[in-house]
Amino acid sequence: MLTLYYAPKTCARASHIALAESGLPYRTQRLNFAEGEQRQPAYLAINPKGRVPALVTERGTLTETPAILAYIAQSAPQARLAPLDDAFAYAQMQAVNAYLCSTVHVAHAHRFRAARWADDKSAHESMQRKVASNMRECFELIESTMLGSPWVLGEQYSVADAYLYTLAGWLEGDGVDLAGLPATRAHRDRMEQRPAVQKALAEEAAGA
């Protein structure tokens, strides 16, 4: 049984959706960030980074969303969550996941976590003012170069779609109007029709 440690509305949602799509047996363990559970010794023993997601497997614990998504896809080949028989297409999927992790998530993090990059309060405010424009620029690039139709990889759904959907869910809070990102909005609508997405969102809302 796989165990996913998560917090609501975080990037861990992508791994939760992938697990729901996979058919693999799993359970979830919710962390209360408001109470700092991610920094308590019990969780740091599982993930010393003090962040989510963390996926506990029979071989050990995996962290970092792109790694967890790749593991889930390869562990459930029957679910067709990645183009496992096409090295180039698989690398394309991973390139999208890497961009979401290394660039998009970091652009978003300047809204809440500016103290990671500077101590000066005025610098924090300056970084926060840039979040909306930086996130819009990221998603304009995604729409023009990374988002096929109907899915990231065109006709084949993949774990990259779960990741893109998750990070796109932050856009309105970051001050970005989806009216200017029609492909992203259409992708969100398609994702929300998928039973696995509905299942993961319901489990998250229930605190499962």
N, C-alpha and C. Protein backbone atom coordinates (compact mmCIF):
# COMPACT_ATOMS: atom_id res chain seq x y z
N MET A 1 0.83 -1.20 0.00
CA MET A 1 0.00 0.00 0.00
C MET A 1 0.87 1.25 0.00
N LEU A 2 0.65 2.12 -0.96
CA LEU A 2 1.35 3.39 -1.03
C LEU A 2 0.69 4.41 -0.10
N THR A 3 1.50 5.27 0.50
CA THR A 3 0.97 6.32 1.35
C THR A 3 1.46 7.67 0.84
N LEU A 4 0.52 8.54 0.51
CA LEU A 4 0.85 9.88 0.03
C LEU A 4 0.62 10.89 1.14
N TYR A 5 1.68 11.59 1.51
CA TYR A 5 1.57 12.69 2.45
C TYR A 5 1.35 13.97 1.64
N TYR A 6 0.32 14.72 2.03
CA TYR A 6 -0.07 15.89 1.24
C TYR A 6 -0.62 16.97 2.15
N ALA A 7 -0.79 18.14 1.58
CA ALA A 7 -1.56 19.22 2.20
C ALA A 7 -2.49 19.76 1.13
N PRO A 8 -3.67 20.22 1.50
CA PRO A 8 -4.65 20.69 0.52
C PRO A 8 -4.12 21.84 -0.33
N LYS A 9 -4.50 21.83 -1.60
CA LYS A 9 -4.22 22.92 -2.54
C LYS A 9 -2.74 23.11 -2.83
N THR A 10 -1.93 22.11 -2.54
CA THR A 10 -0.50 22.18 -2.85
C THR A 10 -0.21 21.38 -4.11
N CYS A 11 1.06 21.35 -4.50
CA CYS A 11 1.44 20.58 -5.68
C CYS A 11 1.25 19.08 -5.48
N ALA A 12 1.05 18.65 -4.23
CA ALA A 12 0.80 17.23 -3.98
C ALA A 12 -0.49 16.75 -4.64
N ARG A 13 -1.36 17.67 -5.00
CA ARG A 13 -2.60 17.29 -5.68
C ARG A 13 -2.31 16.52 -6.97
N ALA A 14 -1.24 16.87 -7.67
CA ALA A 14 -0.91 16.18 -8.92
C ALA A 14 -0.64 14.70 -8.66
N SER A 15 0.11 14.39 -7.61
CA SER A 15 0.40 13.00 -7.27
C SER A 15 -0.87 12.29 -6.82
N HIS A 16 -1.73 12.99 -6.11
CA HIS A 16 -3.00 12.41 -5.66
C HIS A 16 -3.85 12.02 -6.86
N ILE A 17 -3.94 12.91 -7.84
CA ILE A 17 -4.70 12.60 -9.06
C ILE A 17 -4.09 11.41 -9.79
N ALA A 18 -2.77 11.40 -9.91
CA ALA A 18 -2.11 10.30 -10.61
C ALA A 18 -2.38 8.96 -9.91
N LEU A 19 -2.36 8.95 -8.59
CA LEU A 19 -2.67 7.72 -7.86
C LEU A 19 -4.11 7.29 -8.13
N ALA A 20 -5.03 8.25 -8.13
CA ALA A 20 -6.42 7.92 -8.40
C ALA A 20 -6.61 7.38 -9.82
N GLU A 21 -5.83 7.86 -10.76
CA GLU A 21 -5.88 7.37 -12.14
C GLU A 21 -5.25 5.98 -12.28
N SER A 22 -4.28 5.68 -11.43
CA SER A 22 -3.43 4.52 -11.64
C SER A 22 -4.08 3.18 -11.35
N GLY A 23 -5.02 3.16 -10.44
CA GLY A 23 -5.57 1.89 -9.98
C GLY A 23 -4.73 1.22 -8.92
N LEU A 24 -3.61 1.82 -8.54
CA LEU A 24 -2.76 1.26 -7.49
C LEU A 24 -3.43 1.47 -6.13
N PRO A 25 -3.25 0.55 -5.19
CA PRO A 25 -3.79 0.77 -3.85
C PRO A 25 -3.00 1.86 -3.14
N TYR A 26 -3.70 2.79 -2.55
CA TYR A 26 -3.03 3.88 -1.85
C TYR A 26 -3.91 4.40 -0.73
N ARG A 27 -3.26 5.10 0.19
CA ARG A 27 -3.97 5.87 1.20
C ARG A 27 -3.28 7.23 1.30
N THR A 28 -3.98 8.20 1.85
CA THR A 28 -3.41 9.53 1.98
C THR A 28 -3.31 9.93 3.44
N GLN A 29 -2.33 10.75 3.73
CA GLN A 29 -2.13 11.28 5.07
C GLN A 29 -2.01 12.79 4.96
N ARG A 30 -2.99 13.49 5.49
CA ARG A 30 -3.03 14.94 5.37
C ARG A 30 -2.17 15.60 6.45
N LEU A 31 -1.42 16.62 6.04
CA LEU A 31 -0.63 17.42 6.97
C LEU A 31 -1.29 18.79 7.13
N ASN A 32 -1.29 19.29 8.33
CA ASN A 32 -1.83 20.61 8.62
C ASN A 32 -0.69 21.62 8.61
N PHE A 33 -0.55 22.33 7.50
CA PHE A 33 0.52 23.30 7.38
C PHE A 33 0.33 24.46 8.36
N ALA A 34 -0.92 24.83 8.64
CA ALA A 34 -1.17 25.95 9.55
C ALA A 34 -0.62 25.67 10.94
N GLU A 35 -0.58 24.39 11.30
CA GLU A 35 -0.04 24.01 12.61
C GLU A 35 1.42 23.55 12.51
N GLY A 36 1.99 23.66 11.33
CA GLY A 36 3.40 23.33 11.15
C GLY A 36 3.73 21.86 11.23
N GLU A 37 2.78 21.00 10.90
CA GLU A 37 3.04 19.56 10.99
C GLU A 37 4.17 19.12 10.08
N GLN A 38 4.38 19.85 8.98
CA GLN A 38 5.44 19.47 8.04
C GLN A 38 6.83 19.69 8.64
N ARG A 39 6.91 20.42 9.75
CA ARG A 39 8.20 20.68 10.39
C ARG A 39 8.37 19.92 11.70
N GLN A 40 7.43 19.05 12.00
CA GLN A 40 7.52 18.26 13.23
C GLN A 40 8.41 17.05 13.02
N PRO A 41 9.06 16.58 14.07
CA PRO A 41 9.99 15.45 13.94
C PRO A 41 9.38 14.21 13.29
N ALA A 42 8.11 13.95 13.55
CA ALA A 42 7.48 12.74 12.99
C ALA A 42 7.49 12.79 11.48
N TYR A 43 7.19 13.96 10.90
CA TYR A 43 7.18 14.05 9.44
C TYR A 43 8.59 14.22 8.89
N LEU A 44 9.43 14.96 9.56
CA LEU A 44 10.80 15.12 9.08
C LEU A 44 11.55 13.80 9.01
N ALA A 45 11.13 12.83 9.83
CA ALA A 45 11.72 11.50 9.73
C ALA A 45 11.33 10.82 8.43
N ILE A 46 10.20 11.21 7.87
CA ILE A 46 9.74 10.67 6.58
C ILE A 46 10.32 11.47 5.42
N ASN A 47 10.25 12.79 5.53
CA ASN A 47 10.77 13.67 4.49
C ASN A 47 11.54 14.82 5.15
N PRO A 48 12.85 14.73 5.22
CA PRO A 48 13.65 15.77 5.88
C PRO A 48 13.52 17.14 5.23
N LYS A 49 12.99 17.20 4.01
CA LYS A 49 12.80 18.50 3.36
C LYS A 49 11.67 19.29 4.01
N GLY A 50 10.79 18.61 4.72
CA GLY A 50 9.68 19.29 5.36
C GLY A 50 8.67 19.85 4.40
N ARG A 51 8.50 19.19 3.27
CA ARG A 51 7.57 19.65 2.24
C ARG A 51 6.74 18.47 1.76
N VAL A 52 5.75 18.78 0.96
CA VAL A 52 4.95 17.74 0.31
C VAL A 52 5.08 17.91 -1.20
N PRO A 53 4.84 16.83 -1.93
CA PRO A 53 4.40 15.51 -1.48
C PRO A 53 5.56 14.64 -1.04
N ALA A 54 5.19 13.58 -0.32
CA ALA A 54 6.09 12.47 -0.05
C ALA A 54 5.28 11.20 -0.26
N LEU A 55 5.85 10.27 -0.97
CA LEU A 55 5.16 9.00 -1.26
C LEU A 55 5.97 7.87 -0.64
N VAL A 56 5.37 7.20 0.33
CA VAL A 56 6.04 6.09 1.00
C VAL A 56 5.69 4.80 0.24
N THR A 57 6.73 4.12 -0.22
CA THR A 57 6.58 2.87 -0.95
C THR A 57 7.25 1.75 -0.15
N GLU A 58 7.11 0.54 -0.64
CA GLU A 58 7.73 -0.58 0.07
C GLU A 58 9.24 -0.54 -0.01
N ARG A 59 9.79 0.24 -0.92
CA ARG A 59 11.24 0.34 -1.07
C ARG A 59 11.81 1.61 -0.43
N GLY A 60 10.96 2.47 0.04
CA GLY A 60 11.43 3.71 0.64
C GLY A 60 10.54 4.87 0.25
N THR A 61 10.96 6.07 0.61
CA THR A 61 10.15 7.26 0.39
C THR A 61 10.67 8.05 -0.80
N LEU A 62 9.73 8.47 -1.65
CA LEU A 62 10.05 9.32 -2.78
C LEU A 62 9.54 10.73 -2.51
N THR A 63 10.31 11.72 -2.93
CA THR A 63 9.88 13.11 -2.85
C THR A 63 10.10 13.74 -4.22
N GLU A 64 9.59 14.95 -4.39
CA GLU A 64 9.64 15.74 -5.62
C GLU A 64 8.60 15.22 -6.62
N THR A 65 7.71 16.11 -7.01
CA THR A 65 6.58 15.74 -7.83
C THR A 65 6.96 15.03 -9.13
N PRO A 66 7.92 15.52 -9.93
CA PRO A 66 8.23 14.81 -11.17
C PRO A 66 8.67 13.36 -10.93
N ALA A 67 9.43 13.12 -9.85
CA ALA A 67 9.87 11.76 -9.55
C ALA A 67 8.69 10.88 -9.14
N ILE A 68 7.81 11.42 -8.32
CA ILE A 68 6.65 10.65 -7.87
C ILE A 68 5.73 10.33 -9.05
N LEU A 69 5.50 11.31 -9.92
CA LEU A 69 4.64 11.07 -11.07
C LEU A 69 5.24 10.00 -11.99
N ALA A 70 6.54 10.05 -12.21
CA ALA A 70 7.18 9.04 -13.05
C ALA A 70 7.06 7.66 -12.42
N TYR A 71 7.23 7.59 -11.12
CA TYR A 71 7.13 6.31 -10.42
C TYR A 71 5.72 5.74 -10.56
N ILE A 72 4.71 6.57 -10.35
CA ILE A 72 3.34 6.08 -10.46
C ILE A 72 3.05 5.59 -11.87
N ALA A 73 3.46 6.36 -12.87
CA ALA A 73 3.20 5.97 -14.26
C ALA A 73 3.88 4.64 -14.60
N GLN A 74 5.11 4.46 -14.14
CA GLN A 74 5.83 3.24 -14.47
C GLN A 74 5.35 2.05 -13.63
N SER A 75 4.77 2.33 -12.48
CA SER A 75 4.28 1.25 -11.62
C SER A 75 2.91 0.74 -12.06
N ALA A 76 2.24 1.50 -12.90
CA ALA A 76 0.90 1.11 -13.36
C ALA A 76 0.83 1.25 -14.88
N PRO A 77 1.60 0.46 -15.62
CA PRO A 77 1.63 0.64 -17.08
C PRO A 77 0.27 0.46 -17.74
N GLN A 78 -0.59 -0.36 -17.11
CA GLN A 78 -1.91 -0.59 -17.69
C GLN A 78 -2.77 0.67 -17.70
N ALA A 79 -2.45 1.63 -16.85
CA ALA A 79 -3.23 2.87 -16.77
C ALA A 79 -2.84 3.86 -17.87
N ARG A 80 -1.74 3.62 -18.55
CA ARG A 80 -1.30 4.47 -19.66
C ARG A 80 -1.19 5.94 -19.24
N LEU A 81 -0.43 6.16 -18.20
CA LEU A 81 -0.24 7.51 -17.68
C LEU A 81 1.02 8.17 -18.21
N ALA A 82 1.73 7.48 -19.07
CA ALA A 82 2.94 8.02 -19.70
C ALA A 82 3.23 7.17 -20.93
N PRO A 83 3.89 7.75 -21.94
CA PRO A 83 4.26 6.99 -23.14
C PRO A 83 5.50 6.14 -22.87
N LEU A 84 5.32 5.06 -22.15
CA LEU A 84 6.45 4.27 -21.67
C LEU A 84 7.22 3.57 -22.79
N ASP A 85 6.59 3.41 -23.94
CA ASP A 85 7.25 2.71 -25.05
C ASP A 85 7.84 3.68 -26.08
N ASP A 86 7.86 4.96 -25.77
CA ASP A 86 8.36 5.97 -26.69
C ASP A 86 9.30 6.90 -25.92
N ALA A 87 10.59 6.69 -26.05
CA ALA A 87 11.57 7.43 -25.26
C ALA A 87 11.48 8.94 -25.49
N PHE A 88 11.26 9.35 -26.74
CA PHE A 88 11.22 10.78 -27.02
C PHE A 88 9.97 11.42 -26.41
N ALA A 89 8.82 10.78 -26.57
CA ALA A 89 7.59 11.33 -26.00
C ALA A 89 7.66 11.35 -24.48
N TYR A 90 8.28 10.32 -23.90
CA TYR A 90 8.44 10.30 -22.44
C TYR A 90 9.31 11.47 -22.00
N ALA A 91 10.37 11.74 -22.74
CA ALA A 91 11.24 12.86 -22.40
C ALA A 91 10.50 14.19 -22.57
N GLN A 92 9.63 14.30 -23.57
CA GLN A 92 8.82 15.51 -23.73
C GLN A 92 7.94 15.73 -22.50
N MET A 93 7.32 14.65 -22.04
CA MET A 93 6.48 14.74 -20.85
C MET A 93 7.31 15.20 -19.65
N GLN A 94 8.49 14.63 -19.50
CA GLN A 94 9.34 14.99 -18.37
C GLN A 94 9.85 16.43 -18.48
N ALA A 95 10.03 16.91 -19.71
CA ALA A 95 10.45 18.29 -19.89
C ALA A 95 9.37 19.25 -19.38
N VAL A 96 8.11 18.92 -19.66
CA VAL A 96 7.01 19.75 -19.15
C VAL A 96 6.99 19.69 -17.62
N ASN A 97 7.10 18.47 -17.07
CA ASN A 97 7.09 18.33 -15.62
C ASN A 97 8.25 19.09 -14.97
N ALA A 98 9.41 19.06 -15.60
CA ALA A 98 10.57 19.77 -15.05
C ALA A 98 10.34 21.28 -15.08
N TYR A 99 9.74 21.78 -16.15
CA TYR A 99 9.46 23.21 -16.24
C TYR A 99 8.44 23.63 -15.18
N LEU A 100 7.41 22.82 -14.99
CA LEU A 100 6.42 23.13 -13.97
C LEU A 100 7.06 23.17 -12.58
N CYS A 101 7.98 22.25 -12.33
CA CYS A 101 8.63 22.16 -11.02
C CYS A 101 9.65 23.28 -10.81
N SER A 102 10.50 23.48 -11.78
CA SER A 102 11.66 24.36 -11.57
C SER A 102 11.38 25.82 -11.86
N THR A 103 10.37 26.11 -12.68
CA THR A 103 10.12 27.49 -13.08
C THR A 103 8.76 27.99 -12.63
N VAL A 104 7.70 27.25 -12.98
CA VAL A 104 6.35 27.73 -12.65
C VAL A 104 6.13 27.74 -11.14
N HIS A 105 6.46 26.63 -10.48
CA HIS A 105 6.23 26.57 -9.04
C HIS A 105 7.07 27.63 -8.32
N VAL A 106 8.28 27.85 -8.78
CA VAL A 106 9.14 28.86 -8.15
C VAL A 106 8.57 30.26 -8.36
N ALA A 107 8.03 30.53 -9.54
CA ALA A 107 7.41 31.84 -9.79
C ALA A 107 6.24 32.06 -8.83
N HIS A 108 5.44 31.03 -8.64
CA HIS A 108 4.32 31.12 -7.71
C HIS A 108 4.80 31.30 -6.26
N ALA A 109 5.87 30.61 -5.91
CA ALA A 109 6.35 30.63 -4.52
C ALA A 109 6.78 32.01 -4.07
N HIS A 110 7.12 32.89 -4.99
CA HIS A 110 7.50 34.25 -4.58
C HIS A 110 6.34 35.00 -3.93
N ARG A 111 5.12 34.53 -4.13
CA ARG A 111 3.96 35.18 -3.51
C ARG A 111 3.93 34.93 -2.00
N PHE A 112 4.27 33.72 -1.58
CA PHE A 112 4.17 33.35 -0.16
C PHE A 112 5.53 33.15 0.49
N ARG A 113 6.54 32.87 -0.28
CA ARG A 113 7.82 32.43 0.27
C ARG A 113 8.98 33.32 -0.14
N ALA A 114 8.71 34.61 -0.31
CA ALA A 114 9.76 35.53 -0.76
C ALA A 114 10.95 35.53 0.20
N ALA A 115 10.70 35.20 1.46
CA ALA A 115 11.79 35.19 2.44
C ALA A 115 12.85 34.14 2.14
N ARG A 116 12.54 33.20 1.25
CA ARG A 116 13.56 32.23 0.85
C ARG A 116 14.67 32.91 0.06
N TRP A 117 14.38 34.03 -0.59
CA TRP A 117 15.34 34.64 -1.51
C TRP A 117 15.90 35.97 -1.02
N ALA A 118 15.26 36.57 -0.04
CA ALA A 118 15.77 37.86 0.45
C ALA A 118 15.28 38.08 1.88
N ASP A 119 16.02 38.88 2.62
CA ASP A 119 15.64 39.24 3.99
C ASP A 119 14.93 40.59 4.05
N ASP A 120 15.14 41.41 3.06
CA ASP A 120 14.60 42.77 3.04
C ASP A 120 13.10 42.73 2.72
N LYS A 121 12.29 43.30 3.61
CA LYS A 121 10.84 43.28 3.41
C LYS A 121 10.44 43.96 2.11
N SER A 122 11.12 45.04 1.75
CA SER A 122 10.78 45.72 0.50
C SER A 122 11.08 44.83 -0.71
N ALA A 123 12.10 43.98 -0.59
CA ALA A 123 12.40 43.03 -1.66
C ALA A 123 11.29 41.99 -1.75
N HIS A 124 10.76 41.56 -0.60
CA HIS A 124 9.63 40.62 -0.60
C HIS A 124 8.46 41.22 -1.37
N GLU A 125 8.16 42.47 -1.08
CA GLU A 125 7.02 43.12 -1.73
C GLU A 125 7.25 43.26 -3.23
N SER A 126 8.46 43.54 -3.61
CA SER A 126 8.79 43.66 -5.03
C SER A 126 8.60 42.32 -5.74
N MET A 127 9.07 41.25 -5.10
CA MET A 127 8.90 39.92 -5.70
C MET A 127 7.43 39.56 -5.81
N GLN A 128 6.67 39.89 -4.79
CA GLN A 128 5.25 39.56 -4.80
C GLN A 128 4.51 40.29 -5.91
N ARG A 129 4.93 41.51 -6.19
CA ARG A 129 4.29 42.28 -7.27
C ARG A 129 4.56 41.66 -8.63
N LYS A 130 5.62 40.89 -8.76
CA LYS A 130 5.97 40.29 -10.05
C LYS A 130 5.27 38.95 -10.29
N VAL A 131 4.61 38.40 -9.28
CA VAL A 131 4.07 37.04 -9.40
C VAL A 131 3.07 36.94 -10.55
N ALA A 132 2.12 37.85 -10.62
CA ALA A 132 1.09 37.75 -11.64
C ALA A 132 1.68 37.78 -13.05
N SER A 133 2.58 38.72 -13.31
CA SER A 133 3.16 38.81 -14.65
C SER A 133 4.05 37.61 -14.95
N ASN A 134 4.79 37.15 -13.95
CA ASN A 134 5.65 35.99 -14.19
C ASN A 134 4.83 34.73 -14.46
N MET A 135 3.75 34.53 -13.70
CA MET A 135 2.91 33.35 -13.92
C MET A 135 2.21 33.43 -15.27
N ARG A 136 1.73 34.61 -15.64
CA ARG A 136 1.12 34.74 -16.95
C ARG A 136 2.12 34.42 -18.06
N GLU A 137 3.33 34.92 -17.92
CA GLU A 137 4.36 34.64 -18.93
C GLU A 137 4.64 33.15 -19.02
N CYS A 138 4.70 32.48 -17.88
CA CYS A 138 4.92 31.03 -17.88
C CYS A 138 3.82 30.31 -18.63
N PHE A 139 2.58 30.67 -18.35
CA PHE A 139 1.48 29.94 -18.97
C PHE A 139 1.26 30.33 -20.42
N GLU A 140 1.64 31.53 -20.80
CA GLU A 140 1.62 31.86 -22.23
C GLU A 140 2.61 30.99 -22.99
N LEU A 141 3.78 30.75 -22.39
CA LEU A 141 4.75 29.86 -23.01
C LEU A 141 4.22 28.43 -23.06
N ILE A 142 3.60 27.99 -21.97
CA ILE A 142 3.02 26.64 -21.95
C ILE A 142 1.99 26.49 -23.05
N GLU A 143 1.11 27.47 -23.20
CA GLU A 143 0.07 27.37 -24.22
C GLU A 143 0.66 27.36 -25.63
N SER A 144 1.72 28.09 -25.84
CA SER A 144 2.26 28.19 -27.20
C SER A 144 3.21 27.05 -27.57
N THR A 145 3.81 26.40 -26.55
CA THR A 145 4.84 25.40 -26.89
C THR A 145 4.70 24.05 -26.20
N MET A 146 3.88 23.94 -25.16
CA MET A 146 3.88 22.71 -24.36
C MET A 146 2.52 22.04 -24.23
N LEU A 147 1.46 22.73 -24.58
CA LEU A 147 0.13 22.19 -24.34
C LEU A 147 -0.52 21.81 -25.66
N GLY A 148 -0.61 20.49 -25.89
CA GLY A 148 -1.28 20.01 -27.08
C GLY A 148 -2.78 20.03 -26.89
N SER A 149 -3.49 19.31 -27.73
CA SER A 149 -4.94 19.21 -27.60
C SER A 149 -5.36 17.77 -27.89
N PRO A 150 -6.14 17.18 -27.01
CA PRO A 150 -6.73 17.76 -25.80
C PRO A 150 -5.81 17.75 -24.59
N TRP A 151 -4.67 17.03 -24.67
CA TRP A 151 -3.79 16.87 -23.52
C TRP A 151 -2.41 17.40 -23.82
N VAL A 152 -1.56 17.44 -22.82
CA VAL A 152 -0.20 17.95 -23.00
C VAL A 152 0.50 17.25 -24.16
N LEU A 153 0.35 15.94 -24.22
CA LEU A 153 1.01 15.17 -25.27
C LEU A 153 0.10 14.92 -26.47
N GLY A 154 -0.93 15.73 -26.63
CA GLY A 154 -1.84 15.53 -27.74
C GLY A 154 -2.96 14.59 -27.36
N GLU A 155 -3.05 13.48 -28.06
CA GLU A 155 -4.15 12.55 -27.81
C GLU A 155 -3.95 11.71 -26.56
N GLN A 156 -2.70 11.56 -26.10
CA GLN A 156 -2.46 10.70 -24.94
C GLN A 156 -2.44 11.51 -23.65
N TYR A 157 -3.34 11.15 -22.75
CA TYR A 157 -3.33 11.70 -21.40
C TYR A 157 -2.09 11.21 -20.67
N SER A 158 -1.55 12.03 -19.78
CA SER A 158 -0.37 11.61 -19.01
C SER A 158 -0.36 12.30 -17.66
N VAL A 159 0.58 11.90 -16.84
CA VAL A 159 0.71 12.53 -15.52
C VAL A 159 1.05 14.01 -15.64
N ALA A 160 1.59 14.45 -16.77
CA ALA A 160 1.86 15.87 -16.96
C ALA A 160 0.58 16.68 -16.93
N ASP A 161 -0.53 16.08 -17.34
CA ASP A 161 -1.81 16.78 -17.30
C ASP A 161 -2.25 17.02 -15.87
N ALA A 162 -2.04 16.04 -15.00
CA ALA A 162 -2.38 16.22 -13.58
C ALA A 162 -1.55 17.33 -12.97
N TYR A 163 -0.29 17.41 -13.35
CA TYR A 163 0.61 18.43 -12.79
C TYR A 163 0.23 19.81 -13.31
N LEU A 164 -0.01 19.91 -14.62
CA LEU A 164 -0.40 21.19 -15.20
C LEU A 164 -1.71 21.69 -14.59
N TYR A 165 -2.67 20.81 -14.46
CA TYR A 165 -3.95 21.17 -13.86
C TYR A 165 -3.77 21.70 -12.45
N THR A 166 -2.92 21.06 -11.69
CA THR A 166 -2.69 21.46 -10.30
C THR A 166 -2.10 22.86 -10.21
N LEU A 167 -1.07 23.14 -10.98
CA LEU A 167 -0.43 24.45 -10.90
C LEU A 167 -1.30 25.53 -11.54
N ALA A 168 -2.07 25.17 -12.56
CA ALA A 168 -2.99 26.15 -13.16
C ALA A 168 -4.06 26.57 -12.17
N GLY A 169 -4.34 25.72 -11.20
CA GLY A 169 -5.32 26.05 -10.18
C GLY A 169 -4.90 27.19 -9.28
N TRP A 170 -3.64 27.58 -9.36
CA TRP A 170 -3.14 28.69 -8.53
C TRP A 170 -3.27 30.04 -9.24
N LEU A 171 -3.61 30.03 -10.51
CA LEU A 171 -3.49 31.25 -11.31
C LEU A 171 -4.37 32.39 -10.81
N GLU A 172 -5.64 32.12 -10.54
CA GLU A 172 -6.51 33.21 -10.10
C GLU A 172 -6.00 33.82 -8.80
N GLY A 173 -5.56 32.98 -7.87
CA GLY A 173 -5.02 33.49 -6.62
C GLY A 173 -3.77 34.32 -6.82
N ASP A 174 -3.05 34.03 -7.89
CA ASP A 174 -1.84 34.78 -8.20
C ASP A 174 -2.13 36.04 -9.01
N GLY A 175 -3.42 36.29 -9.27
CA GLY A 175 -3.78 37.51 -9.98
C GLY A 175 -3.81 37.39 -11.49
N VAL A 176 -3.91 36.17 -12.00
CA VAL A 176 -3.92 35.94 -13.45
C VAL A 176 -5.34 35.60 -13.88
N ASP A 177 -5.83 36.30 -14.88
CA ASP A 177 -7.17 36.08 -15.43
C ASP A 177 -7.09 35.00 -16.50
N LEU A 178 -7.82 33.90 -16.30
CA LEU A 178 -7.78 32.80 -17.25
C LEU A 178 -8.44 33.14 -18.58
N ALA A 179 -9.15 34.25 -18.64
CA ALA A 179 -9.76 34.65 -19.90
C ALA A 179 -8.71 34.83 -20.99
N GLY A 180 -7.50 35.20 -20.59
CA GLY A 180 -6.42 35.36 -21.56
C GLY A 180 -5.64 34.10 -21.82
N LEU A 181 -6.06 32.99 -21.21
CA LEU A 181 -5.37 31.71 -21.38
C LEU A 181 -6.41 30.64 -21.74
N PRO A 182 -6.97 30.71 -22.93
CA PRO A 182 -8.09 29.83 -23.29
C PRO A 182 -7.74 28.35 -23.30
N ALA A 183 -6.54 28.00 -23.71
CA ALA A 183 -6.17 26.58 -23.75
C ALA A 183 -6.02 26.02 -22.34
N THR A 184 -5.49 26.83 -21.44
CA THR A 184 -5.36 26.40 -20.05
C THR A 184 -6.73 26.21 -19.42
N ARG A 185 -7.63 27.14 -19.68
CA ARG A 185 -8.97 27.02 -19.13
C ARG A 185 -9.70 25.81 -19.69
N ALA A 186 -9.55 25.55 -20.99
CA ALA A 186 -10.19 24.39 -21.61
C ALA A 186 -9.60 23.09 -21.05
N HIS A 187 -8.29 23.10 -20.81
CA HIS A 187 -7.65 21.92 -20.22
C HIS A 187 -8.20 21.67 -18.82
N ARG A 188 -8.38 22.71 -18.04
CA ARG A 188 -8.95 22.56 -16.70
C ARG A 188 -10.34 21.94 -16.79
N ASP A 189 -11.15 22.44 -17.71
CA ASP A 189 -12.51 21.91 -17.85
C ASP A 189 -12.50 20.43 -18.20
N ARG A 190 -11.60 20.03 -19.09
CA ARG A 190 -11.51 18.60 -19.45
C ARG A 190 -11.05 17.77 -18.26
N MET A 191 -10.08 18.29 -17.53
CA MET A 191 -9.58 17.55 -16.37
C MET A 191 -10.69 17.34 -15.35
N GLU A 192 -11.51 18.33 -15.12
CA GLU A 192 -12.51 18.23 -14.08
C GLU A 192 -13.66 17.31 -14.45
N GLN A 193 -13.68 16.83 -15.69
CA GLN A 193 -14.64 15.81 -16.09
C GLN A 193 -14.14 14.39 -15.83
N ARG A 194 -12.87 14.26 -15.50
CA ARG A 194 -12.30 12.93 -15.30
C ARG A 194 -12.67 12.40 -13.90
N PRO A 195 -13.18 11.17 -13.83
CA PRO A 195 -13.57 10.60 -12.54
C PRO A 195 -12.44 10.59 -11.51
N ALA A 196 -11.22 10.33 -11.95
CA ALA A 196 -10.10 10.27 -11.01
C ALA A 196 -9.83 11.64 -10.40
N VAL A 197 -9.98 12.69 -11.19
CA VAL A 197 -9.79 14.04 -10.66
C VAL A 197 -10.87 14.34 -9.64
N GLN A 198 -12.09 14.00 -9.96
CA GLN A 198 -13.19 14.21 -9.02
C GLN A 198 -12.96 13.42 -7.73
N LYS A 199 -12.45 12.20 -7.87
CA LYS A 199 -12.18 11.36 -6.69
C LYS A 199 -11.10 12.01 -5.81
N ALA A 200 -10.01 12.45 -6.43
CA ALA A 200 -8.92 13.04 -5.65
C ALA A 200 -9.38 14.33 -4.97
N LEU A 201 -10.14 15.16 -5.67
CA LEU A 201 -10.61 16.40 -5.08
C LEU A 201 -11.56 16.12 -3.92
N ALA A 202 -12.42 15.12 -4.08
CA ALA A 202 -13.35 14.76 -3.00
C ALA A 202 -12.60 14.23 -1.78
N GLU A 203 -11.57 13.42 -2.00
CA GLU A 203 -10.77 12.90 -0.89
C GLU A 203 -10.04 14.02 -0.18
N GLU A 204 -9.54 14.97 -0.96
CA GLU A 204 -8.84 16.10 -0.35
C GLU A 204 -9.80 16.95 0.47
N ALA A 205 -10.99 17.21 -0.08
CA ALA A 205 -11.97 18.02 0.65
C ALA A 205 -12.44 17.35 1.93
N ALA A 206 -12.47 16.01 1.90
CA ALA A 206 -12.90 15.26 3.08
C ALA A 206 -11.78 15.08 4.09
N GLY A 207 -10.58 15.48 3.71
CA GLY A 207 -9.43 15.29 4.60
C GLY A 207 -9.00 13.86 4.69
N ALA A 208 -9.26 13.08 3.64
CA ALA A 208 -8.94 11.65 3.64
C ALA A 208 -7.45 11.43 3.59
